[in-house]
Amino acid sequence: MKNGEIIGTRGSTGHSILIDARFELPYGKFMTAISKISSKKENVFVFSP
């Protein structure tokens, strides 16, 4: 650390990080997309909040 900031490491630290990132459409666009998909498929289940 230098001046309170991490600047890097000389070698691998062996640490891992798992990031769970989700990119979701707004609800209205989601329902439009689902209706298009459901018209093409027979077994699509839609659960609305």
C-alpha atoms as a PDB file:
ATOM      1  CA  MET A   1       0.000   0.000   0.000  1.00  0.00           C
ATOM      2  CA  LYS A   2       1.135   3.500  -0.757  1.00  0.00           C
ATOM      3  CA  ASN A   3      -0.684   6.508   0.670  1.00  0.00           C
ATOM      4  CA  GLY A   4      -3.584   4.223   1.644  1.00  0.00           C
ATOM      5  CA  GLU A   5      -4.032   2.808  -1.883  1.00  0.00           C
ATOM      6  CA  ILE A   6      -3.285  -0.700  -3.078  1.00  0.00           C
ATOM      7  CA  ILE A   7      -0.746  -0.449  -5.895  1.00  0.00           C
ATOM      8  CA  GLY A   8      -0.199  -4.117  -6.797  1.00  0.00           C
ATOM      9  CA  THR A   9       1.551  -7.314  -5.813  1.00  0.00           C
ATOM     10  CA  ARG A  10       4.795  -8.912  -6.880  1.00  0.00           C
ATOM     11  CA  GLY A  11       3.243 -12.330  -7.321  1.00  0.00           C
ATOM     12  CA  SER A  12       0.014 -14.221  -7.148  1.00  0.00           C
ATOM     13  CA  THR A  13      -1.711 -13.927  -3.770  1.00  0.00           C
ATOM     14  CA  GLY A  14      -3.803 -17.082  -4.117  1.00  0.00           C
ATOM     15  CA  HIS A  15      -6.964 -15.155  -3.321  1.00  0.00           C
ATOM     16  CA  SER A  16     -10.101 -15.512  -5.407  1.00  0.00           C
ATOM     17  CA  ILE A  17     -13.206 -13.390  -5.714  1.00  0.00           C
ATOM     18  CA  LEU A  18     -16.635 -14.395  -6.986  1.00  0.00           C
ATOM     19  CA  ILE A  19     -18.727 -11.624  -8.501  1.00  0.00           C
ATOM     20  CA  ASP A  20     -22.433 -12.200  -9.035  1.00  0.00           C
ATOM     21  CA  ALA A  21     -23.453  -9.525 -11.545  1.00  0.00           C
ATOM     22  CA  ARG A  22     -26.868  -9.414 -13.157  1.00  0.00           C
ATOM     23  CA  PHE A  23     -27.995  -7.182 -15.954  1.00  0.00           C
ATOM     24  CA  GLU A  24     -31.776  -7.099 -16.101  1.00  0.00           C
ATOM     25  CA  LEU A  25     -34.222  -5.340 -18.372  1.00  0.00           C
ATOM     26  CA  PRO A  26     -36.833  -3.010 -16.892  1.00  0.00           C
ATOM     27  CA  TYR A  27     -40.068  -4.859 -16.059  1.00  0.00           C
ATOM     28  CA  GLY A  28     -42.062  -3.621 -19.085  1.00  0.00           C
ATOM     29  CA  LYS A  29     -39.388  -4.635 -21.584  1.00  0.00           C
ATOM     30  CA  PHE A  30     -38.997  -7.951 -19.753  1.00  0.00           C
ATOM     31  CA  MET A  31     -42.685  -8.782 -20.187  1.00  0.00           C
ATOM     32  CA  THR A  32     -42.511  -7.854 -23.886  1.00  0.00           C
ATOM     33  CA  ALA A  33     -39.526 -10.174 -24.345  1.00  0.00           C
ATOM     34  CA  ILE A  34     -41.287 -12.986 -22.445  1.00  0.00           C
ATOM     35  CA  SER A  35     -44.428 -12.629 -24.554  1.00  0.00           C
ATOM     36  CA  LYS A  36     -42.328 -12.957 -27.723  1.00  0.00           C
ATOM     37  CA  ILE A  37     -40.598 -16.050 -26.353  1.00  0.00           C
ATOM     38  CA  SER A  38     -43.810 -17.626 -25.074  1.00  0.00           C
ATOM     39  CA  SER A  39     -45.432 -17.291 -28.487  1.00  0.00           C
ATOM     40  CA  LYS A  40     -42.632 -19.504 -29.846  1.00  0.00           C
ATOM     41  CA  LYS A  41     -42.459 -22.050 -27.016  1.00  0.00           C
ATOM     42  CA  GLU A  42     -45.182 -24.165 -25.432  1.00  0.00           C
ATOM     43  CA  ASN A  43     -43.848 -24.585 -21.909  1.00  0.00           C
ATOM     44  CA  VAL A  44     -42.803 -21.151 -20.685  1.00  0.00           C
ATOM     45  CA  PHE A  45     -43.916 -20.246 -17.185  1.00  0.00           C
ATOM     46  CA  VAL A  46     -44.110 -16.580 -16.216  1.00  0.00           C
ATOM     47  CA  PHE A  47     -44.192 -15.581 -12.563  1.00  0.00           C
ATOM     48  CA  SER A  48     -45.060 -11.950 -11.953  1.00  0.00           C
ATOM     49  CA  PRO A  49     -44.383 -10.246  -8.621  1.00  0.00           C
END
